[in-house]
Amino acid sequence: MYLSLYWTIDVADHLLKNAALYYRTWKYWHAPMNHGFALCIVLAYDIYEECCEGMIENDWKVELKKKKTYFEFREILSTQMLSYHPKKQLYPGDEKMRVVTSMSRTG
């Protein structure tokens, strides 16, 4: 079983290396945090690819020429993350963020 699944670890390591989320720091907790962020980005792109294939929903199918590469996807993802603020309350869980809970109820 180990040898039959060994290639999946190699693929995951390659994708995490492409995420390039690393820097030197004395704070030991940054490494697992960055690893978690890299895993999220890689998994989000994998979900995007599955959606583009049209196997989940036919309406979501994207032509191969229009499909974003991993690096284009990551750039779009980062600009969306930088422009979003939880005060907009567009996603579930935003109401529990500190920025929202500390807002006055009148405004």
Protein backbone atom coordinates (compact mmCIF):
# COMPACT_ATOMS: atom_id res chain seq x y z
CA MET A 1 0.00 0.00 0.00
CA TYR A 2 2.83 2.39 0.88
CA LEU A 3 4.48 2.09 -2.52
CA SER A 4 1.18 2.37 -4.40
CA LEU A 5 0.40 5.74 -2.77
CA TYR A 6 3.94 7.13 -2.59
CA TRP A 7 3.50 9.25 -5.73
CA THR A 8 0.66 11.22 -4.11
CA ILE A 9 3.09 12.54 -1.49
CA ASP A 10 5.50 13.58 -4.26
CA VAL A 11 2.72 15.42 -6.11
CA ALA A 12 1.58 17.17 -2.92
CA ASP A 13 5.16 18.18 -2.08
CA HIS A 14 5.64 19.56 -5.58
CA LEU A 15 2.44 21.62 -5.37
CA LEU A 16 3.36 22.92 -1.92
CA LYS A 17 6.77 23.91 -3.24
CA ASN A 18 5.02 25.88 -6.00
CA ALA A 19 3.02 27.75 -3.36
CA ALA A 20 6.34 29.24 -2.19
CA LEU A 21 5.06 30.31 1.21
CA TYR A 22 8.17 30.26 3.34
CA TYR A 23 10.50 32.65 5.05
CA ARG A 24 13.03 32.47 7.88
CA THR A 25 11.83 33.33 11.34
CA TRP A 26 12.57 32.49 14.96
CA LYS A 27 8.89 32.04 15.63
CA TYR A 28 8.40 28.30 15.34
CA TRP A 29 4.63 28.50 14.85
CA HIS A 30 4.96 30.33 11.52
CA ALA A 31 6.12 27.19 9.68
CA PRO A 32 2.98 25.10 10.35
CA MET A 33 0.78 28.15 9.75
CA ASN A 34 2.39 28.77 6.35
CA HIS A 35 2.16 25.07 5.54
CA GLY A 36 -1.57 25.21 6.30
CA PHE A 37 -2.00 28.28 4.07
CA ALA A 38 -0.11 26.53 1.27
CA LEU A 39 -2.32 23.45 1.62
CA CYS A 40 -5.43 25.64 1.41
CA ILE A 41 -4.19 27.36 -1.75
CA VAL A 42 -3.25 24.06 -3.41
CA LEU A 43 -6.60 22.49 -2.50
CA ALA A 44 -8.51 25.54 -3.72
CA TYR A 45 -6.77 25.26 -7.10
CA ASP A 46 -7.54 21.55 -7.22
CA ILE A 47 -11.22 22.30 -6.61
CA TYR A 48 -11.07 24.99 -9.30
CA GLU A 49 -9.65 22.45 -11.78
CA GLU A 50 -12.41 19.96 -10.96
CA CYS A 51 -15.03 22.65 -11.51
CA CYS A 52 -13.43 23.68 -14.82
CA GLU A 53 -13.62 20.10 -16.10
CA GLY A 54 -17.41 20.29 -15.84
CA MET A 55 -17.81 16.99 -14.03
CA ILE A 56 -19.39 18.62 -10.98
CA GLU A 57 -21.72 20.98 -12.86
CA ASN A 58 -21.96 21.28 -16.65
CA ASP A 59 -22.51 25.06 -16.46
CA TRP A 60 -19.12 25.50 -14.77
CA LYS A 61 -17.12 23.93 -17.60
CA VAL A 62 -14.35 26.21 -18.87
CA GLU A 63 -12.49 25.85 -22.14
CA LEU A 64 -8.89 24.77 -21.81
CA LYS A 65 -7.67 28.06 -23.33
CA LYS A 66 -9.58 30.16 -20.77
CA LYS A 67 -8.61 28.07 -17.75
CA LYS A 68 -6.24 29.87 -15.39
CA THR A 69 -2.82 28.46 -14.55
CA TYR A 70 -1.88 27.85 -10.95
CA PHE A 71 0.07 31.11 -10.75
CA GLU A 72 -2.73 33.18 -12.34
CA PHE A 73 -5.21 31.57 -9.95
CA ARG A 74 -2.99 32.37 -6.97
CA GLU A 75 -2.66 36.01 -8.04
CA ILE A 76 -6.44 36.39 -8.41
CA LEU A 77 -6.96 34.68 -5.06
CA SER A 78 -4.52 37.02 -3.32
CA THR A 79 -6.11 40.18 -4.74
CA GLN A 80 -9.53 38.95 -3.61
CA MET A 81 -8.19 38.21 -0.13
CA LEU A 82 -6.55 41.64 0.15
CA SER A 83 -9.65 43.55 -0.94
CA TYR A 84 -12.15 41.70 1.28
CA HIS A 85 -13.14 42.97 4.72
CA PRO A 86 -15.30 41.03 7.21
CA LYS A 87 -17.48 44.12 7.80
CA LYS A 88 -19.12 43.32 4.45
CA GLN A 89 -20.44 40.10 6.04
CA LEU A 90 -20.69 38.22 2.76
CA TYR A 91 -19.56 34.82 4.05
CA PRO A 92 -20.71 32.57 6.90
CA GLY A 93 -18.70 33.21 10.05
CA ASP A 94 -18.00 36.87 9.32
CA GLU A 95 -20.41 37.86 12.07
CA LYS A 96 -18.07 36.23 14.62
CA MET A 97 -14.97 38.19 13.56
CA ARG A 98 -13.69 40.72 16.10
CA VAL A 99 -14.03 43.62 13.65
CA VAL A 100 -17.77 42.89 13.38
CA THR A 101 -18.47 42.09 17.03
CA SER A 102 -16.86 45.35 18.16
CA MET A 103 -19.00 47.49 15.78
CA SER A 104 -21.76 49.62 17.25
CA ARG A 105 -25.23 48.24 16.67
CA THR A 106 -26.66 51.59 15.59
CA GLY A 107 -24.53 52.03 12.55
